[in-house]
PDB file of N, CA and C in Angstrom:
ATOM      1  N   MET A   1      -4.112   4.659  25.536  1.00  0.00           N
ATOM      2  CA  MET A   1      -3.386   3.729  24.691  1.00  0.00           C
ATOM      3  C   MET A   1      -3.022   4.454  23.390  1.00  0.00           C
ATOM      4  N   SER A   2      -1.806   4.292  22.964  1.00  0.00           N
ATOM      5  CA  SER A   2      -1.356   4.960  21.741  1.00  0.00           C
ATOM      6  C   SER A   2      -1.973   4.307  20.514  1.00  0.00           C
ATOM      7  N   VAL A   3      -2.001   5.063  19.434  1.00  0.00           N
ATOM      8  CA  VAL A   3      -2.570   4.534  18.198  1.00  0.00           C
ATOM      9  C   VAL A   3      -1.756   3.335  17.701  1.00  0.00           C
ATOM     10  N   LEU A   4      -0.459   3.350  17.887  1.00  0.00           N
ATOM     11  CA  LEU A   4       0.365   2.217  17.464  1.00  0.00           C
ATOM     12  C   LEU A   4       0.015   0.963  18.267  1.00  0.00           C
ATOM     13  N   MET A   5      -0.233   1.111  19.537  1.00  0.00           N
ATOM     14  CA  MET A   5      -0.630  -0.034  20.354  1.00  0.00           C
ATOM     15  C   MET A   5      -1.975  -0.587  19.882  1.00  0.00           C
ATOM     16  N   LYS A   6      -2.899   0.297  19.526  1.00  0.00           N
ATOM     17  CA  LYS A   6      -4.207  -0.137  19.021  1.00  0.00           C
ATOM     18  C   LYS A   6      -4.045  -0.891  17.707  1.00  0.00           C
ATOM     19  N   ILE A   7      -3.183  -0.378  16.851  1.00  0.00           N
ATOM     20  CA  ILE A   7      -2.933  -1.041  15.568  1.00  0.00           C
ATOM     21  C   ILE A   7      -2.304  -2.410  15.792  1.00  0.00           C
ATOM     22  N   ASP A   8      -1.297  -2.477  16.636  1.00  0.00           N
ATOM     23  CA  ASP A   8      -0.628  -3.757  16.894  1.00  0.00           C
ATOM     24  C   ASP A   8      -1.609  -4.791  17.447  1.00  0.00           C
ATOM     25  N   ARG A   9      -2.472  -4.376  18.346  1.00  0.00           N
ATOM     26  CA  ARG A   9      -3.467  -5.293  18.901  1.00  0.00           C
ATOM     27  C   ARG A   9      -4.426  -5.768  17.804  1.00  0.00           C
ATOM     28  N   TYR A  10      -4.861  -4.832  16.962  1.00  0.00           N
ATOM     29  CA  TYR A  10      -5.758  -5.172  15.860  1.00  0.00           C
ATOM     30  C   TYR A  10      -5.087  -6.157  14.899  1.00  0.00           C
ATOM     31  N   LEU A  11      -3.830  -5.913  14.573  1.00  0.00           N
ATOM     32  CA  LEU A  11      -3.109  -6.794  13.659  1.00  0.00           C
ATOM     33  C   LEU A  11      -2.962  -8.201  14.242  1.00  0.00           C
ATOM     34  N   ARG A  12      -2.688  -8.286  15.537  1.00  0.00           N
ATOM     35  CA  ARG A  12      -2.576  -9.603  16.184  1.00  0.00           C
ATOM     36  C   ARG A  12      -3.908 -10.335  16.156  1.00  0.00           C
ATOM     37  N   GLN A  13      -4.987  -9.618  16.437  1.00  0.00           N
ATOM     38  CA  GLN A  13      -6.310 -10.248  16.506  1.00  0.00           C
ATOM     39  C   GLN A  13      -6.818 -10.695  15.143  1.00  0.00           C
ATOM     40  N   THR A  14      -6.505  -9.942  14.103  1.00  0.00           N
ATOM     41  CA  THR A  14      -7.046 -10.243  12.781  1.00  0.00           C
ATOM     42  C   THR A  14      -6.085 -11.017  11.890  1.00  0.00           C
ATOM     43  N   GLY A  15      -4.791 -10.939  12.173  1.00  0.00           N
ATOM     44  CA  GLY A  15      -3.798 -11.578  11.318  1.00  0.00           C
ATOM     45  C   GLY A  15      -3.553 -10.805  10.030  1.00  0.00           C
ATOM     46  N   MET A  16      -4.040  -9.581   9.960  1.00  0.00           N
ATOM     47  CA  MET A  16      -3.870  -8.760   8.763  1.00  0.00           C
ATOM     48  C   MET A  16      -2.418  -8.283   8.660  1.00  0.00           C
ATOM     49  N   PRO A  17      -1.833  -8.341   7.483  1.00  0.00           N
ATOM     50  CA  PRO A  17      -0.480  -7.803   7.305  1.00  0.00           C
ATOM     51  C   PRO A  17      -0.470  -6.288   7.517  1.00  0.00           C
ATOM     52  N   MET A  18       0.626  -5.779   8.051  1.00  0.00           N
ATOM     53  CA  MET A  18       0.683  -4.351   8.362  1.00  0.00           C
ATOM     54  C   MET A  18       0.582  -3.476   7.118  1.00  0.00           C
ATOM     55  N   THR A  19       1.082  -3.941   5.988  1.00  0.00           N
ATOM     56  CA  THR A  19       0.990  -3.130   4.771  1.00  0.00           C
ATOM     57  C   THR A  19      -0.458  -3.033   4.290  1.00  0.00           C
ATOM     58  N   LYS A  20      -1.192  -4.118   4.411  1.00  0.00           N
ATOM     59  CA  LYS A  20      -2.608  -4.089   4.016  1.00  0.00           C
ATOM     60  C   LYS A  20      -3.394  -3.172   4.934  1.00  0.00           C
ATOM     61  N   PHE A  21      -3.103  -3.215   6.233  1.00  0.00           N
ATOM     62  CA  PHE A  21      -3.794  -2.334   7.169  1.00  0.00           C
ATOM     63  C   PHE A  21      -3.568  -0.873   6.792  1.00  0.00           C
ATOM     64  N   GLY A  22      -2.334  -0.509   6.555  1.00  0.00           N
ATOM     65  CA  GLY A  22      -2.026   0.874   6.203  1.00  0.00           C
ATOM     66  C   GLY A  22      -2.700   1.304   4.919  1.00  0.00           C
ATOM     67  N   ARG A  23      -2.705   0.425   3.945  1.00  0.00           N
ATOM     68  CA  ARG A  23      -3.326   0.741   2.652  1.00  0.00           C
ATOM     69  C   ARG A  23      -4.832   0.919   2.797  1.00  0.00           C
ATOM     70  N   LEU A  24      -5.480   0.022   3.538  1.00  0.00           N
ATOM     71  CA  LEU A  24      -6.936   0.091   3.680  1.00  0.00           C
ATOM     72  C   LEU A  24      -7.385   1.230   4.598  1.00  0.00           C
ATOM     73  N   SER A  25      -6.626   1.497   5.637  1.00  0.00           N
ATOM     74  CA  SER A  25      -7.068   2.496   6.618  1.00  0.00           C
ATOM     75  C   SER A  25      -6.784   3.931   6.186  1.00  0.00           C
ATOM     76  N   VAL A  26      -5.604   4.183   5.640  1.00  0.00           N
ATOM     77  CA  VAL A  26      -5.254   5.569   5.273  1.00  0.00           C
ATOM     78  C   VAL A  26      -4.610   5.698   3.900  1.00  0.00           C
ATOM     79  N   GLY A  27      -4.521   4.597   3.155  1.00  0.00           N
ATOM     80  CA  GLY A  27      -3.942   4.657   1.821  1.00  0.00           C
ATOM     81  C   GLY A  27      -2.430   4.707   1.790  1.00  0.00           C
ATOM     82  N   ASP A  28      -1.787   4.258   2.872  1.00  0.00           N
ATOM     83  CA  ASP A  28      -0.327   4.297   2.965  1.00  0.00           C
ATOM     84  C   ASP A  28       0.192   2.942   3.447  1.00  0.00           C
ATOM     85  N   PRO A  29       0.706   2.117   2.550  1.00  0.00           N
ATOM     86  CA  PRO A  29       1.169   0.787   2.964  1.00  0.00           C
ATOM     87  C   PRO A  29       2.356   0.819   3.939  1.00  0.00           C
ATOM     88  N   ARG A  30       3.054   1.944   4.040  1.00  0.00           N
ATOM     89  CA  ARG A  30       4.199   2.053   4.962  1.00  0.00           C
ATOM     90  C   ARG A  30       3.814   2.627   6.321  1.00  0.00           C
ATOM     91  N   LEU A  31       2.534   2.848   6.546  1.00  0.00           N
ATOM     92  CA  LEU A  31       2.073   3.498   7.775  1.00  0.00           C
ATOM     93  C   LEU A  31       2.626   2.856   9.039  1.00  0.00           C
ATOM     94  N   VAL A  32       2.391   1.564   9.219  1.00  0.00           N
ATOM     95  CA  VAL A  32       2.787   0.901  10.461  1.00  0.00           C
ATOM     96  C   VAL A  32       4.305   0.905  10.601  1.00  0.00           C
ATOM     97  N   HIS A  33       5.003   0.632   9.525  1.00  0.00           N
ATOM     98  CA  HIS A  33       6.469   0.670   9.563  1.00  0.00           C
ATOM     99  C   HIS A  33       6.955   2.050  10.007  1.00  0.00           C
ATOM    100  N   ASP A  34       6.388   3.087   9.415  1.00  0.00           N
ATOM    101  CA  ASP A  34       6.802   4.454   9.758  1.00  0.00           C
ATOM    102  C   ASP A  34       6.443   4.808  11.200  1.00  0.00           C
ATOM    103  N   LEU A  35       5.283   4.371  11.676  1.00  0.00           N
ATOM    104  CA  LEU A  35       4.903   4.643  13.067  1.00  0.00           C
ATOM    105  C   LEU A  35       5.876   3.970  14.029  1.00  0.00           C
ATOM    106  N   ARG A  36       6.291   2.767  13.696  1.00  0.00           N
ATOM    107  CA  ARG A  36       7.254   2.054  14.545  1.00  0.00           C
ATOM    108  C   ARG A  36       8.624   2.721  14.546  1.00  0.00           C
ATOM    109  N   ARG A  37       8.912   3.490  13.502  1.00  0.00           N
ATOM    110  CA  ARG A  37      10.186   4.211  13.423  1.00  0.00           C
ATOM    111  C   ARG A  37      10.082   5.636  13.968  1.00  0.00           C
ATOM    112  N   GLY A  38       8.934   5.988  14.554  1.00  0.00           N
ATOM    113  CA  GLY A  38       8.823   7.280  15.213  1.00  0.00           C
ATOM    114  C   GLY A  38       7.909   8.301  14.558  1.00  0.00           C
ATOM    115  N   ARG A  39       7.294   7.954  13.441  1.00  0.00           N
ATOM    116  CA  ARG A  39       6.374   8.903  12.792  1.00  0.00           C
ATOM    117  C   ARG A  39       5.238   9.247  13.745  1.00  0.00           C
ATOM    118  N   GLN A  40       4.909  10.521  13.832  1.00  0.00           N
ATOM    119  CA  GLN A  40       3.834  10.994  14.697  1.00  0.00           C
ATOM    120  C   GLN A  40       2.635  11.401  13.844  1.00  0.00           C
ATOM    121  N   PRO A  41       1.559  10.632  13.875  1.00  0.00           N
ATOM    122  CA  PRO A  41       0.398  10.974  13.056  1.00  0.00           C
ATOM    123  C   PRO A  41      -0.362  12.162  13.652  1.00  0.00           C
ATOM    124  N   ARG A  42      -0.943  12.954  12.786  1.00  0.00           N
ATOM    125  CA  ARG A  42      -1.771  14.069  13.234  1.00  0.00           C
ATOM    126  C   ARG A  42      -3.159  13.561  13.597  1.00  0.00           C
ATOM    127  N   ALA A  43      -3.927  14.403  14.243  1.00  0.00           N
ATOM    128  CA  ALA A  43      -5.253  14.022  14.743  1.00  0.00           C
ATOM    129  C   ALA A  43      -6.175  13.469  13.653  1.00  0.00           C
ATOM    130  N   PRO A  44      -6.243  14.077  12.458  1.00  0.00           N
ATOM    131  CA  PRO A  44      -7.142  13.508  11.437  1.00  0.00           C
ATOM    132  C   PRO A  44      -6.768  12.080  11.026  1.00  0.00           C
ATOM    133  N   MET A  45      -5.468  11.788  10.970  1.00  0.00           N
ATOM    134  CA  MET A  45      -5.044  10.443  10.612  1.00  0.00           C
ATOM    135  C   MET A  45      -5.383   9.459  11.730  1.00  0.00           C
ATOM    136  N   VAL A  46      -5.169   9.866  12.960  1.00  0.00           N
ATOM    137  CA  VAL A  46      -5.517   9.007  14.094  1.00  0.00           C
ATOM    138  C   VAL A  46      -7.014   8.692  14.052  1.00  0.00           C
ATOM    139  N   ALA A  47      -7.817   9.695  13.746  1.00  0.00           N
ATOM    140  CA  ALA A  47      -9.268   9.499  13.665  1.00  0.00           C
ATOM    141  C   ALA A  47      -9.624   8.499  12.565  1.00  0.00           C
ATOM    142  N   ARG A  48      -8.960   8.585  11.413  1.00  0.00           N
ATOM    143  CA  ARG A  48      -9.217   7.643  10.316  1.00  0.00           C
ATOM    144  C   ARG A  48      -8.833   6.220  10.707  1.00  0.00           C
ATOM    145  N   ILE A  49      -7.711   6.077  11.386  1.00  0.00           N
ATOM    146  CA  ILE A  49      -7.245   4.758  11.827  1.00  0.00           C
ATOM    147  C   ILE A  49      -8.228   4.160  12.827  1.00  0.00           C
ATOM    148  N   GLU A  50      -8.612   4.952  13.826  1.00  0.00           N
ATOM    149  CA  GLU A  50      -9.531   4.458  14.851  1.00  0.00           C
ATOM    150  C   GLU A  50     -10.899   4.141  14.255  1.00  0.00           C
ATOM    151  N   SER A  51     -11.328   4.942  13.298  1.00  0.00           N
ATOM    152  CA  SER A  51     -12.604   4.691  12.622  1.00  0.00           C
ATOM    153  C   SER A  51     -12.555   3.381  11.840  1.00  0.00           C
ATOM    154  N   PHE A  52     -11.447   3.136  11.155  1.00  0.00           N
ATOM    155  CA  PHE A  52     -11.278   1.891  10.396  1.00  0.00           C
ATOM    156  C   PHE A  52     -11.348   0.688  11.329  1.00  0.00           C
ATOM    157  N   ILE A  53     -10.650   0.751  12.440  1.00  0.00           N
ATOM    158  CA  ILE A  53     -10.647  -0.367  13.399  1.00  0.00           C
ATOM    159  C   ILE A  53     -12.047  -0.580  13.956  1.00  0.00           C
ATOM    160  N   ALA A  54     -12.715   0.496  14.342  1.00  0.00           N
ATOM    161  CA  ALA A  54     -14.062   0.386  14.918  1.00  0.00           C
ATOM    162  C   ALA A  54     -15.055  -0.172  13.904  1.00  0.00           C
ATOM    163  N   ALA A  55     -14.973   0.265  12.663  1.00  0.00           N
ATOM    164  CA  ALA A  55     -15.900  -0.197  11.615  1.00  0.00           C
ATOM    165  C   ALA A  55     -15.696  -1.681  11.327  1.00  0.00           C
ATOM    166  N   ASP A  56     -14.459  -2.132  11.364  1.00  0.00           N
ATOM    167  CA  ASP A  56     -14.173  -3.525  11.082  1.00  0.00           C
ATOM    168  C   ASP A  56     -14.666  -4.428  12.211  1.00  0.00           C
ATOM    169  N   ARG A  57     -14.647  -3.938  13.426  1.00  0.00           N
ATOM    170  CA  ARG A  57     -15.080  -4.739  14.569  1.00  0.00           C
ATOM    171  C   ARG A  57     -16.602  -4.773  14.682  1.00  0.00           C
ATOM    172  N   ALA A  58     -17.263  -3.809  14.070  1.00  0.00           N
ATOM    173  CA  ALA A  58     -18.740  -3.737  14.178  1.00  0.00           C
ATOM    174  C   ALA A  58     -19.431  -4.764  13.315  1.00  0.00           C
TER     175      ALA A  58
END
């Protein structure tokens, strides 16, 4: 599953706005918008995003 799919699922489940997610997870409020427009995150950013999602669910 792509990181964007994981983010979209998380946003649907939590109701969190995409700008807040980007700001809290990696410090970039445009993250989700940019990913939807084709931005390709590097491995360290993907790890930070997945860590944020996992920590919030724990």
